[in-house]
């Protein structure tokens, strides 16, 4: 059977879908923390801090739970407050966290429910469709975090134990650990995303969705891994593009700050700060929402395509030439 290319059509179709359905961008903003937290954050500085003997559990939590460092700082200030203030602030923070998690899970279901719809739905319909699978999505998110935690401990713990090695051998284990962690994290992410898609697209329960994801991964192991790597590269390129946009925005903002300093206008200075904050935050949020919506759409399209024959990995096609 003749093989057919899959990545280019998937990416083009996903881009067209997301570009013409701007609502998915905004939904993607809320799903970002639940979708990508843990993969990139966990790789940032993990091996250097592990070599310094930092606790692995604390290090993993810091990498996979958004706002963990803020909570640590908050708890220190909380200890110096009165009991009544502590109770009030703790209750408010807990309610905010529960609200963010709830919105994030609903947004995940909404993205997967609206990714393949021909007619763009409004926000209410998207969130309603995603709400039908709330508990199953939340369960898969928790299992995904635990899976990343297991991969993290298995790959970083040996590096921490090799800390006494001489410097000549000292620099190689972190690199091997990084590679192993990335491979493991990509595989966990693939299973999680395929499971989430199975829950929404086929209305499967958690066990059935994981079984379906595992079957697809086994049947299309190389294709799934290549797709995961391509999406990882896409994320890195999107982050680079966002930095370029922020740099371009910084040029007129710098002129605005300079003008405020020259004419010594406090009002203009405050306005400059507000404009800068709005532009920077809006750019980052829109970029993250667009990227998350794009990734979810790609996985949804791949889930539908995985049941068909003729899908061959790029590596396999290269070796057959």
Protein backbone atom coordinates (compact mmCIF):
# COMPACT_ATOMS: atom_id res chain seq x y z
CA UNK A 1 0.00 0.00 0.00
CA UNK A 2 1.36 3.40 -0.93
CA UNK A 3 2.17 5.62 2.02
CA UNK A 4 0.86 9.13 2.24
CA UNK A 5 2.25 12.22 3.93
CA UNK A 6 0.46 13.10 7.13
CA UNK A 7 2.25 15.89 9.00
CA UNK A 8 1.88 18.68 6.44
CA UNK A 9 -1.86 18.08 5.86
CA UNK A 10 -2.46 17.82 9.61
CA UNK A 11 -0.62 21.04 10.37
CA UNK A 12 -2.21 22.94 7.47
CA UNK A 13 -5.72 21.77 8.34
CA UNK A 14 -5.17 22.58 12.03
CA UNK A 15 -3.87 26.03 11.17
CA UNK A 16 -6.84 26.77 8.88
CA UNK A 17 -9.27 25.60 11.57
CA UNK A 18 -7.70 27.67 14.33
CA UNK A 19 -7.22 30.73 12.12
CA UNK A 20 -10.86 30.81 11.03
CA UNK A 21 -12.17 30.07 14.53
CA UNK A 22 -10.70 32.79 16.71
CA UNK A 23 -12.84 31.67 19.66
CA UNK A 24 -10.51 28.70 20.05
CA UNK A 25 -7.66 31.14 20.77
CA UNK A 26 -9.44 32.55 23.79
CA UNK A 27 -10.49 29.10 24.99
CA UNK A 28 -6.89 27.98 24.54
CA UNK A 29 -5.69 30.68 26.93
CA UNK A 30 -7.53 29.01 29.81
CA UNK A 31 -6.47 25.52 28.73
CA UNK A 32 -2.79 26.45 28.52
CA UNK A 33 -1.92 25.79 32.15
CA UNK A 34 -3.64 22.39 32.12
CA UNK A 35 -2.27 21.47 28.69
CA UNK A 36 1.43 22.33 28.69
CA UNK A 37 2.41 22.88 32.30
CA UNK A 38 5.11 20.38 33.14
CA UNK A 39 6.84 19.64 29.85
CA UNK A 40 8.83 22.82 29.28
CA UNK A 41 8.85 24.02 32.88
CA UNK A 42 10.20 20.72 34.17
CA UNK A 43 13.15 20.81 31.78
CA UNK A 44 14.20 24.31 32.78
CA UNK A 45 17.09 24.01 35.22
CA UNK A 46 16.11 20.59 36.56
CA UNK A 47 19.43 18.91 36.02
CA UNK A 48 21.58 21.71 37.41
CA UNK A 49 19.49 21.93 40.58
CA UNK A 50 19.48 18.14 40.86
CA UNK A 51 23.28 18.12 40.75
CA UNK A 52 23.28 20.61 43.61
CA UNK A 53 21.33 18.15 45.75
CA UNK A 54 17.93 19.83 45.68
CA UNK A 55 14.95 17.67 46.73
CA UNK A 56 13.49 15.92 43.70
CA UNK A 57 9.86 16.05 44.84
CA UNK A 58 9.97 19.79 45.47
CA UNK A 59 11.78 20.30 42.17
CA UNK A 60 9.15 18.35 40.21
CA UNK A 61 6.26 20.18 41.88
CA UNK A 62 7.91 23.50 41.09
CA UNK A 63 8.14 22.49 37.43
CA UNK A 64 4.71 20.99 36.91
CA UNK A 65 2.35 23.09 39.04
CA UNK A 66 1.90 26.63 37.70
CA UNK A 67 2.28 29.22 40.45
CA UNK A 68 4.01 26.86 42.90
CA UNK A 69 6.83 29.32 43.60
CA UNK A 70 4.25 32.03 44.20
CA UNK A 71 2.47 29.79 46.70
CA UNK A 72 5.74 29.21 48.57
CA UNK A 73 6.31 32.97 48.84
CA UNK A 74 2.65 33.50 49.79
CA UNK A 75 2.87 30.93 52.61
CA UNK A 76 5.82 32.78 54.12
CA UNK A 77 3.87 36.04 54.26
CA UNK A 78 0.82 34.15 55.51
CA UNK A 79 2.71 32.87 58.56
CA UNK A 80 3.24 36.45 59.78
CA UNK A 81 -0.48 37.36 59.63
CA UNK A 82 -3.24 37.15 62.19
CA UNK A 83 -5.30 33.90 62.28
CA UNK A 84 -8.40 35.69 60.91
CA UNK A 85 -6.43 37.12 58.00
CA UNK A 86 -4.83 33.74 57.36
CA UNK A 87 -8.22 32.03 57.19
CA UNK A 88 -9.68 34.66 54.87
CA UNK A 89 -6.73 34.77 52.45
CA UNK A 90 -6.34 30.97 52.41
CA UNK A 91 -10.03 30.58 51.57
CA UNK A 92 -9.78 33.15 48.78
CA UNK A 93 -6.65 31.56 47.30
CA UNK A 94 -8.24 28.09 47.44
CA UNK A 95 -11.37 29.35 45.68
CA UNK A 96 -9.28 31.05 43.00
CA UNK A 97 -7.24 27.87 42.41
CA UNK A 98 -10.40 25.74 42.19
CA UNK A 99 -11.93 28.26 39.77
CA UNK A 100 -8.83 28.28 37.55
CA UNK A 101 -8.63 24.47 37.49
CA UNK A 102 -12.35 24.23 36.69
CA UNK A 103 -12.10 26.75 33.85
CA UNK A 104 -8.94 25.06 32.56
CA UNK A 105 -10.57 21.61 32.42
CA UNK A 106 -13.70 23.03 30.78
CA UNK A 107 -11.48 24.80 28.23
CA UNK A 108 -9.70 21.55 27.41
CA UNK A 109 -12.99 19.82 26.69
CA UNK A 110 -14.20 22.82 24.71
CA UNK A 111 -11.08 22.81 22.52
CA UNK A 112 -11.38 19.12 21.71
CA UNK A 113 -15.12 19.40 21.13
CA UNK A 114 -14.77 22.38 18.79
CA UNK A 115 -11.56 21.42 17.01
CA UNK A 116 -13.23 19.44 14.23
CA UNK A 117 -16.54 21.27 14.01
CA UNK A 118 -17.29 22.64 10.55
CA UNK A 119 -19.39 25.49 11.94
CA UNK A 120 -17.69 27.47 14.74
CA UNK A 121 -19.71 27.31 17.95
CA UNK A 122 -20.09 30.15 20.43
CA UNK A 123 -18.40 30.14 23.83
CA UNK A 124 -21.45 28.86 25.66
CA UNK A 125 -21.83 25.85 23.35
CA UNK A 126 -18.10 25.10 23.50
CA UNK A 127 -17.98 25.15 27.31
CA UNK A 128 -21.23 23.18 27.53
CA UNK A 129 -19.88 20.48 25.23
CA UNK A 130 -16.63 20.35 27.17
CA UNK A 131 -18.44 20.23 30.51
CA UNK A 132 -19.95 16.82 29.71
CA UNK A 133 -16.50 15.25 30.14
CA UNK A 134 -15.25 17.34 33.09
CA UNK A 135 -14.41 14.58 35.57
CA UNK A 136 -12.86 12.28 32.99
CA UNK A 137 -10.65 15.10 31.68
CA UNK A 138 -9.65 16.09 35.21
CA UNK A 139 -8.75 12.48 36.01
CA UNK A 140 -6.60 12.21 32.88
CA UNK A 141 -4.88 15.51 33.74
CA UNK A 142 -4.00 14.18 37.19
CA UNK A 143 -2.74 10.91 35.71
CA UNK A 144 -0.69 12.89 33.18
CA UNK A 145 0.97 14.88 35.97
CA UNK A 146 1.71 11.69 37.87
CA UNK A 147 3.16 10.16 34.71
CA UNK A 148 5.43 13.16 34.18
CA UNK A 149 6.42 12.95 37.83
CA UNK A 150 7.41 9.30 37.47
CA UNK A 151 9.45 10.05 34.34
CA UNK A 152 11.06 13.01 36.07
CA UNK A 153 12.10 11.01 39.15
CA UNK A 154 13.41 8.09 37.08
CA UNK A 155 15.54 10.37 34.89
CA UNK A 156 16.74 12.93 37.42
CA UNK A 157 17.32 10.73 40.48
CA UNK A 158 20.33 8.92 38.91
CA UNK A 159 21.89 12.29 38.10
CA UNK A 160 21.56 13.37 41.72
CA UNK A 161 23.22 10.16 42.91
CA UNK A 162 26.11 10.70 40.48
CA UNK A 163 26.88 14.09 42.03
CA UNK A 164 30.26 13.05 43.55
CA UNK A 165 31.71 12.09 40.13
CA UNK A 166 34.74 14.09 38.91
CA UNK A 167 33.96 17.05 36.65
CA UNK A 168 35.20 15.24 33.54
CA UNK A 169 32.36 12.71 33.93
CA UNK A 170 30.08 15.14 35.65
CA UNK A 171 28.75 16.88 32.54
CA UNK A 172 27.55 13.81 30.61
CA UNK A 173 24.84 12.35 32.91
CA UNK A 174 22.75 15.56 32.85
CA UNK A 175 22.67 15.51 29.04
CA UNK A 176 21.61 11.85 28.97
CA UNK A 177 19.04 12.62 31.67
CA UNK A 178 17.68 15.50 29.59
CA UNK A 179 17.30 13.29 26.51
CA UNK A 180 15.63 10.49 28.46
CA UNK A 181 13.28 12.92 30.18
CA UNK A 182 12.27 14.55 26.89
CA UNK A 183 11.57 11.15 25.33
CA UNK A 184 9.55 10.02 28.34
CA UNK A 185 7.70 13.34 28.62
CA UNK A 186 6.78 13.28 24.93
CA UNK A 187 5.41 9.73 25.25
CA UNK A 188 3.39 10.63 28.35
CA UNK A 189 2.05 13.73 26.58
CA UNK A 190 1.08 11.65 23.53
CA UNK A 191 -0.87 9.17 25.65
CA UNK A 192 -2.53 11.98 27.59
CA UNK A 193 -3.57 13.95 24.50
CA UNK A 194 -4.85 10.87 22.67
CA UNK A 195 -6.75 9.82 25.80
CA UNK A 196 -8.32 13.26 26.16
CA UNK A 197 -9.31 13.17 22.50
CA UNK A 198 -10.81 9.70 22.92
CA UNK A 199 -12.90 10.90 25.86
CA UNK A 200 -14.37 13.83 23.91
CA UNK A 201 -14.55 12.41 20.38
CA UNK A 202 -15.66 8.86 21.23
CA UNK A 203 -17.22 9.45 24.68
CA UNK A 204 -14.94 6.82 26.21
CA UNK A 205 -14.39 6.39 29.93
CA UNK A 206 -10.94 6.97 31.42
CA UNK A 207 -9.85 3.33 31.18
CA UNK A 208 -11.17 2.95 27.65
CA UNK A 209 -9.56 6.21 26.53
CA UNK A 210 -6.15 5.17 27.88
CA UNK A 211 -6.52 1.77 26.21
CA UNK A 212 -7.42 3.46 22.91
CA UNK A 213 -4.45 5.82 23.23
CA UNK A 214 -2.11 2.93 24.01
CA UNK A 215 -3.40 1.02 20.99
CA UNK A 216 -2.79 4.00 18.69
CA UNK A 217 0.67 4.54 20.19
CA UNK A 218 1.60 0.89 19.67
CA UNK A 219 0.21 0.79 16.13
CA UNK A 220 1.71 4.16 15.14
CA UNK A 221 4.65 4.45 17.54
CA UNK A 222 7.08 6.24 15.23
CA UNK A 223 4.39 8.45 13.70
CA UNK A 224 3.10 9.47 17.13
CA UNK A 225 6.59 10.19 18.42
CA UNK A 226 7.51 12.18 15.32
CA UNK A 227 4.32 14.21 15.71
CA UNK A 228 5.13 14.85 19.37
CA UNK A 229 8.63 16.01 18.47
CA UNK A 230 7.28 18.26 15.70
CA UNK A 231 4.82 19.86 18.10
CA UNK A 232 7.62 20.37 20.61
CA UNK A 233 9.68 22.10 17.92
CA UNK A 234 6.61 24.13 16.95
CA UNK A 235 6.25 25.26 20.56
CA UNK A 236 9.88 26.36 20.67
CA UNK A 237 9.50 28.27 17.39
CA UNK A 238 6.30 29.88 18.66
CA UNK A 239 8.11 30.98 21.82
CA UNK A 240 10.88 32.46 19.69
CA UNK A 241 8.36 34.26 17.48
CA UNK A 242 6.65 35.66 20.58
CA UNK A 243 9.98 37.02 21.81
CA UNK A 244 10.55 38.69 18.43
CA UNK A 245 7.10 40.31 18.60
CA UNK A 246 7.79 41.52 22.14
CA UNK A 247 11.13 42.96 20.98
CA UNK A 248 9.39 44.83 18.15
CA UNK A 249 6.80 46.17 20.59
CA UNK A 250 9.57 47.26 22.95
CA UNK A 251 10.96 49.77 20.43
CA UNK A 252 7.99 52.21 20.38
CA UNK A 253 7.42 51.61 24.09
CA UNK A 254 11.00 52.64 24.81
CA UNK A 255 10.47 55.84 22.85
CA UNK A 256 7.31 56.48 24.84
CA UNK A 257 9.15 56.03 28.14
CA UNK A 258 11.94 58.29 26.90
CA UNK A 259 9.44 60.98 25.95
CA UNK A 260 7.84 60.75 29.40
CA UNK A 261 11.26 61.18 31.02
CA UNK A 262 12.22 64.12 28.79
CA UNK A 263 9.07 66.13 29.44
CA UNK A 264 8.95 64.94 33.09
CA UNK A 265 5.30 63.94 32.88
CA UNK A 266 4.16 61.52 35.62
CA UNK A 267 0.84 60.97 33.85
CA UNK A 268 2.53 59.99 30.59
CA UNK A 269 4.88 57.70 32.53
CA UNK A 270 1.97 55.90 34.20
CA UNK A 271 0.17 55.64 30.84
CA UNK A 272 3.34 54.16 29.31
CA UNK A 273 3.49 51.53 32.04
CA UNK A 274 -0.17 50.61 31.55
CA UNK A 275 0.17 50.41 27.76
CA UNK A 276 3.30 48.26 28.09
CA UNK A 277 1.65 45.89 30.55
CA UNK A 278 -1.47 45.50 28.39
CA UNK A 279 0.53 44.88 25.19
CA UNK A 280 2.96 42.41 26.78
CA UNK A 281 0.31 40.42 28.65
CA UNK A 282 -2.05 40.39 25.64
CA UNK A 283 0.72 39.19 23.32
CA UNK A 284 1.78 36.37 25.63
CA UNK A 285 -1.79 35.25 26.31
CA UNK A 286 -2.82 35.29 22.66
CA UNK A 287 0.33 33.44 21.60
CA UNK A 288 -0.17 30.76 24.25
CA UNK A 289 -3.88 30.46 23.41
CA UNK A 290 -3.18 30.14 19.70
CA UNK A 291 -0.45 27.54 20.27
CA UNK A 292 -2.60 25.46 22.63
CA UNK A 293 -5.59 25.56 20.28
CA UNK A 294 -3.34 24.56 17.38
CA UNK A 295 -1.85 21.61 19.29
CA UNK A 296 -5.25 20.33 20.41
CA UNK A 297 -6.55 20.56 16.86
CA UNK A 298 -3.54 18.64 15.53
CA UNK A 299 -4.07 15.85 18.07
CA UNK A 300 -7.79 15.72 17.26
CA UNK A 301 -7.05 15.39 13.54
CA UNK A 302 -4.40 12.75 14.19
CA UNK A 303 -6.80 10.77 16.38
CA UNK A 304 -9.28 10.65 13.51
CA UNK A 305 -6.53 9.78 11.00
CA UNK A 306 -4.91 7.08 13.17
CA UNK A 307 -7.67 4.58 12.43
CA UNK A 308 -6.85 4.59 8.73
CA UNK A 309 -4.20 2.62 6.91
CA UNK A 310 -1.28 3.93 4.91
CA UNK A 311 0.25 6.14 7.63
CA UNK A 312 4.00 5.61 7.71
CA UNK A 313 6.57 7.49 9.74
CA UNK A 314 8.95 9.87 7.99
CA UNK A 315 11.93 7.92 9.27
CA UNK A 316 10.55 4.71 7.75
CA UNK A 317 9.93 6.40 4.38
CA UNK A 318 13.49 7.75 4.34
CA UNK A 319 15.01 4.32 4.97
CA UNK A 320 12.84 2.76 2.26
CA UNK A 321 14.15 5.15 -0.40
